[in-house]
């Protein structure tokens, strides 16, 4: 009789371990898919600055990059990087300068914002108890 209870205890332990590992793998998958993104806007005083990024889909985006004072539009898809065009028009450069001076650019952390508010709400409800 003792061996039967040992078997069921061992089986419960393995089933619980499988559930925990499955939850960890699922959480890691969701984190990589929805939350983690490569930094889209890198502000700095370097020679290369990424001014704006627009994500078109998974692993597909268009970037506006400033290199040594010249503006380039670049397409990034998976493992390939292609230059679409350069912006040489003085009117477009002036318009971009006005937009950059009136609107401060912020890093692409908008993907995490809904989760932050959700966690704050959960933490707020637990503090009330």
N, C-alpha and C. Protein backbone atom coordinates (compact mmCIF):
# COMPACT_ATOMS: atom_id res chain seq x y z
N UNK A 1 0.82 -1.18 0.00
CA UNK A 1 0.00 0.00 0.00
C UNK A 1 0.87 1.25 0.00
N UNK A 2 2.01 1.18 0.64
CA UNK A 2 2.91 2.33 0.71
C UNK A 2 3.49 2.66 -0.67
N UNK A 3 3.73 1.64 -1.51
CA UNK A 3 4.27 1.90 -2.84
C UNK A 3 3.25 2.59 -3.74
N UNK A 4 1.96 2.32 -3.52
CA UNK A 4 0.92 2.96 -4.34
C UNK A 4 0.85 4.46 -4.02
N UNK A 5 0.91 4.85 -2.78
CA UNK A 5 0.86 6.27 -2.43
C UNK A 5 2.12 6.99 -2.91
N UNK A 6 3.25 6.28 -2.90
CA UNK A 6 4.48 6.87 -3.42
C UNK A 6 4.35 7.14 -4.92
N UNK A 7 3.77 6.18 -5.65
CA UNK A 7 3.60 6.34 -7.09
C UNK A 7 2.71 7.55 -7.40
N UNK A 8 1.56 7.69 -6.71
CA UNK A 8 0.67 8.80 -6.97
C UNK A 8 1.28 10.14 -6.55
N UNK A 9 2.03 10.14 -5.47
CA UNK A 9 2.71 11.37 -5.05
C UNK A 9 3.74 11.78 -6.10
N UNK A 10 4.49 10.80 -6.62
CA UNK A 10 5.49 11.08 -7.65
C UNK A 10 4.81 11.58 -8.92
N UNK A 11 3.68 10.97 -9.29
CA UNK A 11 2.93 11.38 -10.47
C UNK A 11 2.40 12.81 -10.32
N UNK A 12 1.87 13.16 -9.18
CA UNK A 12 1.39 14.52 -8.93
C UNK A 12 2.52 15.53 -9.02
N UNK A 13 3.69 15.16 -8.48
CA UNK A 13 4.83 16.06 -8.53
C UNK A 13 5.26 16.31 -9.98
N UNK A 14 5.32 15.24 -10.80
CA UNK A 14 5.72 15.41 -12.20
C UNK A 14 4.68 16.22 -12.98
N UNK A 15 3.40 16.00 -12.70
CA UNK A 15 2.35 16.76 -13.39
C UNK A 15 2.43 18.24 -13.00
N UNK A 16 2.67 18.53 -11.74
CA UNK A 16 2.80 19.92 -11.30
C UNK A 16 4.01 20.58 -11.94
N UNK A 17 5.11 19.85 -12.01
CA UNK A 17 6.32 20.38 -12.64
C UNK A 17 6.08 20.66 -14.12
N UNK A 18 5.36 19.78 -14.82
CA UNK A 18 5.06 20.00 -16.23
C UNK A 18 4.19 21.24 -16.42
N UNK A 19 3.23 21.46 -15.54
CA UNK A 19 2.37 22.64 -15.63
C UNK A 19 3.18 23.91 -15.42
N UNK A 20 4.06 23.92 -14.42
CA UNK A 20 4.87 25.10 -14.13
C UNK A 20 5.82 25.40 -15.28
N UNK A 21 6.47 24.38 -15.82
CA UNK A 21 7.38 24.60 -16.96
C UNK A 21 6.60 25.08 -18.18
N UNK A 22 5.41 24.53 -18.41
CA UNK A 22 4.57 24.98 -19.52
C UNK A 22 4.17 26.44 -19.38
N UNK A 23 3.80 26.85 -18.16
CA UNK A 23 3.46 28.26 -17.93
C UNK A 23 4.66 29.17 -18.15
N UNK A 24 5.83 28.73 -17.73
CA UNK A 24 7.04 29.55 -17.93
C UNK A 24 7.35 29.70 -19.41
N UNK A 25 7.23 28.62 -20.18
CA UNK A 25 7.50 28.69 -21.62
C UNK A 25 6.46 29.58 -22.30
N UNK A 26 5.20 29.45 -21.91
CA UNK A 26 4.15 30.30 -22.49
C UNK A 26 4.36 31.76 -22.17
N UNK A 27 4.74 32.07 -20.92
CA UNK A 27 5.00 33.46 -20.54
C UNK A 27 6.19 34.02 -21.32
N UNK A 28 7.22 33.21 -21.51
CA UNK A 28 8.40 33.65 -22.26
C UNK A 28 8.02 33.94 -23.72
N UNK A 29 7.20 33.07 -24.30
CA UNK A 29 6.76 33.27 -25.68
C UNK A 29 5.95 34.57 -25.81
N UNK A 30 5.00 34.79 -24.90
CA UNK A 30 4.19 36.00 -24.96
C UNK A 30 5.03 37.25 -24.73
N UNK A 31 6.00 37.17 -23.82
CA UNK A 31 6.89 38.31 -23.56
C UNK A 31 7.66 38.69 -24.81
N UNK A 32 8.23 37.69 -25.48
CA UNK A 32 9.01 37.98 -26.68
C UNK A 32 8.13 38.48 -27.82
N UNK A 33 6.92 37.96 -27.92
CA UNK A 33 6.06 38.33 -29.04
C UNK A 33 5.42 39.69 -28.87
N UNK A 34 4.91 40.01 -27.68
CA UNK A 34 4.12 41.23 -27.51
C UNK A 34 4.82 42.35 -26.77
N UNK A 35 5.72 42.05 -25.88
CA UNK A 35 6.28 43.10 -25.03
C UNK A 35 7.67 43.52 -25.49
N UNK A 36 8.55 42.55 -25.68
CA UNK A 36 9.93 42.90 -26.01
C UNK A 36 10.05 43.32 -27.46
N UNK A 37 10.54 44.49 -27.68
CA UNK A 37 10.83 45.01 -29.01
C UNK A 37 12.21 45.61 -28.99
N UNK A 38 12.88 45.57 -30.10
CA UNK A 38 14.17 46.24 -30.16
C UNK A 38 13.93 47.73 -30.04
N UNK A 39 14.87 48.46 -29.45
CA UNK A 39 14.66 49.91 -29.29
C UNK A 39 14.47 50.57 -30.65
N UNK A 40 13.40 51.32 -30.79
CA UNK A 40 13.10 51.90 -32.09
C UNK A 40 13.67 53.31 -32.24
N UNK A 41 13.82 54.01 -31.13
CA UNK A 41 14.35 55.36 -31.22
C UNK A 41 15.56 55.45 -30.30
N UNK A 42 16.69 55.72 -30.88
CA UNK A 42 17.90 55.82 -30.09
C UNK A 42 18.36 57.26 -30.18
N UNK A 43 18.22 57.98 -29.09
CA UNK A 43 18.65 59.37 -29.07
C UNK A 43 20.08 59.44 -28.58
N UNK A 44 20.87 60.16 -29.26
CA UNK A 44 22.25 60.29 -28.85
C UNK A 44 22.94 61.35 -29.66
N UNK A 45 24.18 61.55 -29.36
CA UNK A 45 24.96 62.54 -30.08
C UNK A 45 25.91 61.85 -31.04
N UNK A 46 25.66 60.59 -31.34
CA UNK A 46 26.52 59.84 -32.23
C UNK A 46 26.37 60.27 -33.68
N UNK A 47 27.05 59.60 -34.54
CA UNK A 47 27.01 59.92 -35.96
C UNK A 47 25.77 59.36 -36.64
N UNK A 48 25.18 58.30 -36.03
CA UNK A 48 23.99 57.67 -36.59
C UNK A 48 22.87 57.76 -35.58
N UNK A 49 21.74 58.35 -35.97
CA UNK A 49 20.57 58.48 -35.10
C UNK A 49 19.35 57.92 -35.81
N UNK A 50 18.60 57.06 -35.12
CA UNK A 50 17.33 56.57 -35.63
C UNK A 50 16.27 57.56 -35.18
N UNK A 51 15.68 58.28 -36.12
CA UNK A 51 14.74 59.34 -35.79
C UNK A 51 13.35 58.77 -35.55
N UNK A 52 12.91 57.88 -36.41
CA UNK A 52 11.57 57.32 -36.25
C UNK A 52 11.54 55.92 -36.84
N UNK A 53 10.65 55.10 -36.28
CA UNK A 53 10.45 53.74 -36.76
C UNK A 53 8.98 53.44 -36.84
N UNK A 54 8.56 52.80 -37.90
CA UNK A 54 7.17 52.36 -38.03
C UNK A 54 7.20 50.86 -38.29
N UNK A 55 6.63 50.09 -37.36
CA UNK A 55 6.57 48.64 -37.52
C UNK A 55 5.41 48.28 -38.43
N UNK A 56 5.70 47.49 -39.45
CA UNK A 56 4.68 47.10 -40.42
C UNK A 56 4.10 45.72 -40.11
N UNK A 57 4.83 44.93 -39.38
CA UNK A 57 4.42 43.58 -39.03
C UNK A 57 5.54 42.92 -38.28
N UNK A 58 5.41 41.63 -38.02
CA UNK A 58 6.49 40.93 -37.33
C UNK A 58 7.78 40.98 -38.16
N UNK A 59 8.80 41.52 -37.58
CA UNK A 59 10.13 41.62 -38.19
C UNK A 59 10.16 42.49 -39.45
N UNK A 60 9.18 43.36 -39.64
CA UNK A 60 9.16 44.28 -40.78
C UNK A 60 8.95 45.70 -40.28
N UNK A 61 9.86 46.60 -40.67
CA UNK A 61 9.70 47.98 -40.25
C UNK A 61 10.38 48.91 -41.24
N UNK A 62 9.98 50.17 -41.16
CA UNK A 62 10.60 51.25 -41.95
C UNK A 62 11.19 52.23 -40.96
N UNK A 63 12.43 52.66 -41.20
CA UNK A 63 13.12 53.56 -40.29
C UNK A 63 13.56 54.82 -41.02
N UNK A 64 13.48 55.93 -40.30
CA UNK A 64 14.03 57.20 -40.78
C UNK A 64 15.32 57.42 -40.00
N UNK A 65 16.44 57.42 -40.70
CA UNK A 65 17.76 57.45 -40.06
C UNK A 65 18.51 58.69 -40.50
N UNK A 66 19.20 59.31 -39.55
CA UNK A 66 20.06 60.45 -39.86
C UNK A 66 21.51 59.99 -39.74
N UNK A 67 22.26 60.11 -40.83
CA UNK A 67 23.67 59.73 -40.85
C UNK A 67 24.46 60.92 -41.35
N UNK A 68 25.27 61.50 -40.46
CA UNK A 68 26.12 62.64 -40.81
C UNK A 68 25.32 63.78 -41.46
N UNK A 69 24.13 64.04 -40.94
CA UNK A 69 23.32 65.15 -41.43
C UNK A 69 22.44 64.82 -42.61
N UNK A 70 22.55 63.61 -43.17
CA UNK A 70 21.69 63.22 -44.29
C UNK A 70 20.60 62.30 -43.76
N UNK A 71 19.40 62.46 -44.29
CA UNK A 71 18.27 61.63 -43.88
C UNK A 71 18.04 60.53 -44.90
N UNK A 72 17.87 59.30 -44.39
CA UNK A 72 17.63 58.15 -45.25
C UNK A 72 16.43 57.38 -44.72
N UNK A 73 15.65 56.84 -45.63
CA UNK A 73 14.55 55.96 -45.29
C UNK A 73 15.01 54.54 -45.61
N UNK A 74 14.96 53.69 -44.57
CA UNK A 74 15.50 52.34 -44.68
C UNK A 74 14.41 51.35 -44.32
N UNK A 75 14.38 50.24 -45.04
CA UNK A 75 13.44 49.16 -44.78
C UNK A 75 14.20 48.01 -44.12
N UNK A 76 13.61 47.45 -43.06
CA UNK A 76 14.23 46.32 -42.37
C UNK A 76 13.23 45.18 -42.31
N UNK A 77 13.61 44.03 -42.86
CA UNK A 77 12.74 42.86 -42.81
C UNK A 77 13.58 41.63 -42.52
N UNK A 78 13.42 41.10 -41.31
CA UNK A 78 14.14 39.89 -40.94
C UNK A 78 15.63 40.11 -40.94
N UNK A 79 16.29 39.53 -41.91
CA UNK A 79 17.75 39.60 -42.01
C UNK A 79 18.22 40.59 -43.08
N UNK A 80 17.30 41.29 -43.73
CA UNK A 80 17.66 42.15 -44.85
C UNK A 80 17.41 43.61 -44.51
N UNK A 81 18.36 44.48 -44.87
CA UNK A 81 18.25 45.91 -44.69
C UNK A 81 18.40 46.56 -46.07
N UNK A 82 17.41 47.38 -46.47
CA UNK A 82 17.43 48.00 -47.79
C UNK A 82 17.18 49.49 -47.66
N UNK A 83 17.94 50.28 -48.40
CA UNK A 83 17.72 51.72 -48.41
C UNK A 83 16.65 52.03 -49.45
N UNK A 84 15.59 52.69 -49.01
CA UNK A 84 14.49 53.02 -49.92
C UNK A 84 14.76 54.32 -50.64
N UNK A 85 15.13 55.37 -49.88
CA UNK A 85 15.38 56.67 -50.50
C UNK A 85 16.17 57.55 -49.53
N UNK A 86 16.70 58.64 -50.06
CA UNK A 86 17.28 59.68 -49.21
C UNK A 86 16.42 60.92 -49.35
N UNK A 87 16.35 61.70 -48.29
CA UNK A 87 15.54 62.93 -48.31
C UNK A 87 16.49 64.11 -48.49
N UNK A 88 16.43 64.72 -49.67
CA UNK A 88 17.29 65.85 -50.00
C UNK A 88 16.51 67.15 -50.15
N UNK A 89 15.19 67.07 -50.20
CA UNK A 89 14.34 68.24 -50.41
C UNK A 89 14.44 69.18 -49.22
N UNK A 90 14.87 70.45 -49.43
CA UNK A 90 15.00 71.38 -48.31
C UNK A 90 13.68 71.65 -47.60
N UNK A 91 12.57 71.68 -48.32
CA UNK A 91 11.26 71.92 -47.68
C UNK A 91 10.92 70.77 -46.72
N UNK A 92 11.20 69.54 -47.14
CA UNK A 92 10.91 68.38 -46.28
C UNK A 92 11.83 68.39 -45.06
N UNK A 93 13.09 68.78 -45.26
CA UNK A 93 14.02 68.85 -44.13
C UNK A 93 13.58 69.92 -43.12
N UNK A 94 13.12 71.08 -43.62
CA UNK A 94 12.62 72.13 -42.73
C UNK A 94 11.39 71.67 -41.96
N UNK A 95 10.48 70.98 -42.66
CA UNK A 95 9.28 70.48 -42.00
C UNK A 95 9.63 69.46 -40.92
N UNK A 96 10.58 68.59 -41.20
CA UNK A 96 11.01 67.60 -40.21
C UNK A 96 11.68 68.27 -39.02
N UNK A 97 12.46 69.30 -39.26
CA UNK A 97 13.10 70.03 -38.18
C UNK A 97 12.06 70.69 -37.28
N UNK A 98 11.02 71.27 -37.88
CA UNK A 98 9.96 71.89 -37.09
C UNK A 98 9.22 70.85 -36.24
N UNK A 99 8.94 69.70 -36.83
CA UNK A 99 8.25 68.64 -36.09
C UNK A 99 9.12 68.15 -34.93
N UNK A 100 10.40 67.96 -35.18
CA UNK A 100 11.30 67.47 -34.13
C UNK A 100 11.45 68.49 -33.01
N UNK A 101 11.38 69.79 -33.33
CA UNK A 101 11.55 70.79 -32.29
C UNK A 101 10.28 70.96 -31.44
N UNK A 102 9.09 70.72 -32.03
CA UNK A 102 7.85 70.89 -31.27
C UNK A 102 7.45 69.64 -30.51
N UNK A 103 7.72 68.45 -31.03
CA UNK A 103 7.33 67.20 -30.38
C UNK A 103 8.58 66.46 -29.93
N UNK A 104 8.75 66.28 -28.62
CA UNK A 104 9.89 65.50 -28.16
C UNK A 104 9.69 64.03 -28.51
N UNK A 105 10.75 63.41 -29.02
CA UNK A 105 10.67 62.00 -29.37
C UNK A 105 10.89 61.16 -28.12
N UNK A 106 10.07 60.15 -27.95
CA UNK A 106 10.19 59.27 -26.80
C UNK A 106 10.48 57.86 -27.29
N UNK A 107 11.13 57.06 -26.47
CA UNK A 107 11.40 55.68 -26.88
C UNK A 107 10.10 54.88 -27.05
N UNK A 108 10.17 53.84 -27.84
CA UNK A 108 9.01 53.01 -28.11
C UNK A 108 8.75 52.08 -26.94
N UNK A 109 8.15 52.61 -25.88
CA UNK A 109 7.80 51.79 -24.74
C UNK A 109 6.29 51.68 -24.61
N UNK A 110 5.58 52.06 -25.67
CA UNK A 110 4.12 52.01 -25.63
C UNK A 110 3.59 50.59 -25.56
N UNK A 111 4.40 49.60 -25.96
CA UNK A 111 3.94 48.23 -25.90
C UNK A 111 3.80 47.76 -24.47
N UNK A 112 4.53 48.35 -23.55
CA UNK A 112 4.54 47.91 -22.16
C UNK A 112 3.52 48.69 -21.33
N UNK A 113 3.08 49.84 -21.79
CA UNK A 113 2.20 50.71 -21.01
C UNK A 113 0.91 50.02 -20.54
N UNK A 114 0.20 49.27 -21.38
CA UNK A 114 -1.01 48.61 -20.87
C UNK A 114 -0.71 47.62 -19.75
N UNK A 115 0.43 46.94 -19.84
CA UNK A 115 0.79 45.98 -18.81
C UNK A 115 1.15 46.69 -17.51
N UNK A 116 1.79 47.87 -17.62
CA UNK A 116 2.13 48.62 -16.41
C UNK A 116 0.88 49.03 -15.65
N UNK A 117 -0.12 49.53 -16.38
CA UNK A 117 -1.35 49.94 -15.70
C UNK A 117 -2.07 48.73 -15.10
N UNK A 118 -2.02 47.60 -15.79
CA UNK A 118 -2.66 46.40 -15.26
C UNK A 118 -1.98 45.96 -13.97
N UNK A 119 -0.64 45.98 -13.94
CA UNK A 119 0.08 45.58 -12.74
C UNK A 119 -0.15 46.58 -11.61
N UNK A 120 -0.25 47.87 -11.95
CA UNK A 120 -0.54 48.86 -10.91
C UNK A 120 -1.92 48.64 -10.31
N UNK A 121 -2.89 48.29 -11.16
CA UNK A 121 -4.24 48.02 -10.66
C UNK A 121 -4.24 46.80 -9.75
N UNK A 122 -3.51 45.77 -10.13
CA UNK A 122 -3.43 44.56 -9.30
C UNK A 122 -2.76 44.89 -7.97
N UNK A 123 -1.66 45.63 -8.04
CA UNK A 123 -0.94 45.98 -6.81
C UNK A 123 -1.80 46.88 -5.93
N UNK A 124 -2.58 47.78 -6.52
CA UNK A 124 -3.44 48.66 -5.75
C UNK A 124 -4.55 47.90 -5.04
N UNK A 125 -5.10 46.88 -5.70
CA UNK A 125 -6.15 46.10 -5.06
C UNK A 125 -5.60 45.23 -3.94
N UNK A 126 -4.38 44.78 -4.07
CA UNK A 126 -3.80 43.96 -3.01
C UNK A 126 -3.43 44.77 -1.79
N UNK A 127 -3.05 46.03 -1.99
CA UNK A 127 -2.70 46.87 -0.86
C UNK A 127 -3.95 47.20 -0.01
N UNK A 128 -5.12 47.25 -0.68
CA UNK A 128 -6.35 47.58 0.03
C UNK A 128 -6.79 46.46 0.96
N UNK A 129 -6.39 45.23 0.68
CA UNK A 129 -6.82 44.10 1.51
C UNK A 129 -6.15 44.03 2.83
